[in-house]
C-alpha atoms as a PDB file:
ATOM      1  CA  MET A   1       0.153  79.260  18.782  1.00  0.00           C
ATOM      2  CA  ALA A   2       0.723  82.154  21.440  1.00  0.00           C
ATOM      3  CA  TYR A   3       3.274  81.681  24.183  1.00  0.00           C
ATOM      4  CA  ASN A   4       3.113  82.438  27.822  1.00  0.00           C
ATOM      5  CA  ILE A   5       4.440  86.065  28.226  1.00  0.00           C
ATOM      6  CA  LEU A   6       4.960  85.580  31.918  1.00  0.00           C
ATOM      7  CA  LEU A   7       7.017  82.624  31.369  1.00  0.00           C
ATOM      8  CA  ALA A   8       9.054  84.431  28.654  1.00  0.00           C
ATOM      9  CA  ASP A   9       9.604  87.305  31.136  1.00  0.00           C
ATOM     10  CA  LYS A  10      10.724  84.658  33.812  1.00  0.00           C
ATOM     11  CA  VAL A  11      13.412  83.181  31.299  1.00  0.00           C
ATOM     12  CA  ARG A  12      14.397  86.751  30.129  1.00  0.00           C
ATOM     13  CA  SER A  13      15.056  87.870  33.635  1.00  0.00           C
ATOM     14  CA  TYR A  14      16.929  84.800  34.568  1.00  0.00           C
ATOM     15  CA  LEU A  15      19.190  85.055  31.423  1.00  0.00           C
ATOM     16  CA  SER A  16      19.616  88.765  32.003  1.00  0.00           C
ATOM     17  CA  GLN A  17      21.627  87.913  35.220  1.00  0.00           C
ATOM     18  CA  LEU A  18      24.361  86.359  33.162  1.00  0.00           C
ATOM     19  CA  PRO A  19      26.101  89.133  31.603  1.00  0.00           C
ATOM     20  CA  SER A  20      28.761  86.761  29.762  1.00  0.00           C
ATOM     21  CA  LEU A  21      25.931  85.522  27.462  1.00  0.00           C
ATOM     22  CA  LYS A  22      24.750  87.035  24.114  1.00  0.00           C
ATOM     23  CA  ILE A  23      21.076  86.704  24.145  1.00  0.00           C
ATOM     24  CA  GLU A  24      18.893  87.172  21.218  1.00  0.00           C
ATOM     25  CA  GLU A  25      15.019  86.676  21.119  1.00  0.00           C
ATOM     26  CA  LYS A  26      13.434  85.346  17.968  1.00  0.00           C
ATOM     27  CA  LYS A  27       9.995  84.056  17.059  1.00  0.00           C
ATOM     28  CA  MET A  28      10.489  80.286  16.221  1.00  0.00           C
ATOM     29  CA  PHE A  29       8.741  77.003  16.469  1.00  0.00           C
ATOM     30  CA  ARG A  30       5.440  78.938  16.941  1.00  0.00           C
ATOM     31  CA  GLY A  31       6.763  80.417  20.032  1.00  0.00           C
ATOM     32  CA  LEU A  32       9.545  82.653  21.320  1.00  0.00           C
ATOM     33  CA  ALA A  33      13.256  81.377  21.234  1.00  0.00           C
ATOM     34  CA  PHE A  34      16.009  82.555  23.221  1.00  0.00           C
ATOM     35  CA  LEU A  35      19.213  82.129  21.314  1.00  0.00           C
ATOM     36  CA  VAL A  36      22.364  82.084  23.482  1.00  0.00           C
ATOM     37  CA  ASN A  37      25.579  82.997  21.807  1.00  0.00           C
ATOM     38  CA  GLY A  38      24.007  82.550  18.417  1.00  0.00           C
ATOM     39  CA  LYS A  39      22.439  79.153  19.167  1.00  0.00           C
ATOM     40  CA  MET A  40      18.779  78.197  19.969  1.00  0.00           C
ATOM     41  CA  CYS A  41      18.735  77.168  23.550  1.00  0.00           C
ATOM     42  CA  ILE A  42      15.398  77.601  25.261  1.00  0.00           C
ATOM     43  CA  ASN A  43      11.940  78.329  23.554  1.00  0.00           C
ATOM     44  CA  ILE A  44       8.475  79.291  25.134  1.00  0.00           C
ATOM     45  CA  SER A  45       5.769  77.271  23.194  1.00  0.00           C
ATOM     46  CA  GLY A  46       2.282  77.899  24.790  1.00  0.00           C
ATOM     47  CA  ASP A  47       2.669  77.398  28.486  1.00  0.00           C
ATOM     48  CA  ASN A  48       5.563  74.903  27.911  1.00  0.00           C
ATOM     49  CA  LEU A  49       9.289  75.463  28.107  1.00  0.00           C
ATOM     50  CA  MET A  50      10.979  73.757  25.199  1.00  0.00           C
ATOM     51  CA  CYS A  51      14.523  72.912  26.165  1.00  0.00           C
ATOM     52  CA  ARG A  52      17.618  71.910  24.059  1.00  0.00           C
ATOM     53  CA  PHE A  53      19.853  69.556  26.060  1.00  0.00           C
ATOM     54  CA  ASP A  54      22.754  67.077  25.802  1.00  0.00           C
ATOM     55  CA  PRO A  55      21.032  64.129  24.113  1.00  0.00           C
ATOM     56  CA  GLU A  56      23.180  61.858  26.337  1.00  0.00           C
ATOM     57  CA  LEU A  57      21.002  62.997  29.237  1.00  0.00           C
ATOM     58  CA  GLN A  58      17.702  61.827  27.420  1.00  0.00           C
ATOM     59  CA  LYS A  59      16.971  58.785  29.545  1.00  0.00           C
ATOM     60  CA  GLU A  60      17.646  60.790  32.840  1.00  0.00           C
ATOM     61  CA  LEU A  61      15.550  63.800  31.882  1.00  0.00           C
ATOM     62  CA  GLU A  62      12.542  61.645  30.769  1.00  0.00           C
ATOM     63  CA  THR A  63      11.929  60.814  34.437  1.00  0.00           C
ATOM     64  CA  ARG A  64      11.610  64.344  35.589  1.00  0.00           C
ATOM     65  CA  THR A  65       8.136  65.751  36.384  1.00  0.00           C
ATOM     66  CA  GLY A  66       6.598  67.629  33.354  1.00  0.00           C
ATOM     67  CA  TYR A  67       8.809  66.057  30.693  1.00  0.00           C
ATOM     68  CA  LEU A  68       7.333  65.624  27.330  1.00  0.00           C
ATOM     69  CA  PRO A  69       9.275  64.279  24.293  1.00  0.00           C
ATOM     70  CA  MET A  70       9.509  66.750  21.360  1.00  0.00           C
ATOM     71  CA  LEU A  71       7.800  65.230  18.328  1.00  0.00           C
ATOM     72  CA  MET A  72       7.839  66.444  14.861  1.00  0.00           C
ATOM     73  CA  LYS A  73       6.055  64.552  12.004  1.00  0.00           C
ATOM     74  CA  ASP A  74       5.804  61.622  14.496  1.00  0.00           C
ATOM     75  CA  LYS A  75       9.509  61.603  14.993  1.00  0.00           C
ATOM     76  CA  GLU A  76      11.066  62.193  18.525  1.00  0.00           C
ATOM     77  CA  TYR A  77      13.954  64.619  18.550  1.00  0.00           C
ATOM     78  CA  LYS A  78      16.728  63.667  20.783  1.00  0.00           C
ATOM     79  CA  GLY A  79      18.191  66.482  22.756  1.00  0.00           C
ATOM     80  CA  TYR A  80      14.925  68.465  22.834  1.00  0.00           C
ATOM     81  CA  CYS A  81      11.868  68.264  25.052  1.00  0.00           C
ATOM     82  CA  TYR A  82       8.985  70.244  26.273  1.00  0.00           C
ATOM     83  CA  VAL A  83       8.561  70.813  30.111  1.00  0.00           C
ATOM     84  CA  GLU A  84       4.991  71.342  31.199  1.00  0.00           C
ATOM     85  CA  PRO A  85       4.107  74.039  33.861  1.00  0.00           C
ATOM     86  CA  CYS A  86       4.107  71.341  36.615  1.00  0.00           C
ATOM     87  CA  GLY A  87       7.710  70.598  35.826  1.00  0.00           C
ATOM     88  CA  ILE A  88       8.936  74.329  36.434  1.00  0.00           C
ATOM     89  CA  LYS A  89       6.704  75.512  39.072  1.00  0.00           C
ATOM     90  CA  THR A  90       9.202  75.729  41.735  1.00  0.00           C
ATOM     91  CA  LYS A  91      12.505  78.029  41.398  1.00  0.00           C
ATOM     92  CA  LYS A  92      14.654  74.950  41.739  1.00  0.00           C
ATOM     93  CA  ALA A  93      13.014  73.079  38.942  1.00  0.00           C
ATOM     94  CA  PHE A  94      12.811  76.249  36.788  1.00  0.00           C
ATOM     95  CA  GLU A  95      16.557  76.773  37.305  1.00  0.00           C
ATOM     96  CA  PHE A  96      17.351  73.136  36.699  1.00  0.00           C
ATOM     97  CA  TRP A  97      15.936  73.186  33.294  1.00  0.00           C
ATOM     98  CA  ILE A  98      17.380  76.544  32.330  1.00  0.00           C
ATOM     99  CA  ASN A  99      20.831  75.566  33.476  1.00  0.00           C
ATOM    100  CA  THR A 100      20.661  72.204  31.705  1.00  0.00           C
ATOM    101  CA  CYS A 101      20.010  74.112  28.570  1.00  0.00           C
ATOM    102  CA  LEU A 102      22.841  76.591  29.265  1.00  0.00           C
ATOM    103  CA  ALA A 103      25.341  73.835  30.001  1.00  0.00           C
ATOM    104  CA  TYR A 104      24.674  72.206  26.571  1.00  0.00           C
ATOM    105  CA  ASN A 105      24.724  75.356  24.641  1.00  0.00           C
ATOM    106  CA  ALA A 106      28.490  75.672  24.748  1.00  0.00           C
ATOM    107  CA  GLN A 107      28.878  72.449  22.855  1.00  0.00           C
ATOM    108  CA  ALA A 108      25.751  72.626  20.763  1.00  0.00           C
ATOM    109  CA  LYS A 109      26.122  73.245  17.071  1.00  0.00           C
ATOM    110  CA  SER A 110      24.670  76.386  15.402  1.00  0.00           C
ATOM    111  CA  SER A 111      22.039  75.983  12.717  1.00  0.00           C
ATOM    112  CA  LYS A 112      23.297  76.394   9.246  1.00  0.00           C
ATOM    113  CA  LYS A 113      22.709  80.156   7.886  1.00  0.00           C
ATOM    114  CA  LYS A 114      20.320  80.422   5.011  1.00  0.00           C
ATOM    115  CA  ALA A 115      21.790  81.808   1.865  1.00  0.00           C
END
């Protein structure tokens, strides 16, 4: 699946304004992932933003415009979601999702490194 290059540029531009973060881009989940300080934080999947957030916020975030649960093999992944374009069309909404992901990144666990 191709990813929205304009959305990727928008995320890249926003993250570049935060010099304290180590940003790495990697093709992942059939899209483009933004790893922040070595941990998957945000992903562009098609036209959607895939977000990693504090699972404790799941119920609250489910009510937001554009929210879609992340499903893999018919299993919902807590702490992950997709946000459709309608949920990130304003600057305020876009920044809300990016900042929600960044807030969780500090406490998120890194993936195990492959041997």
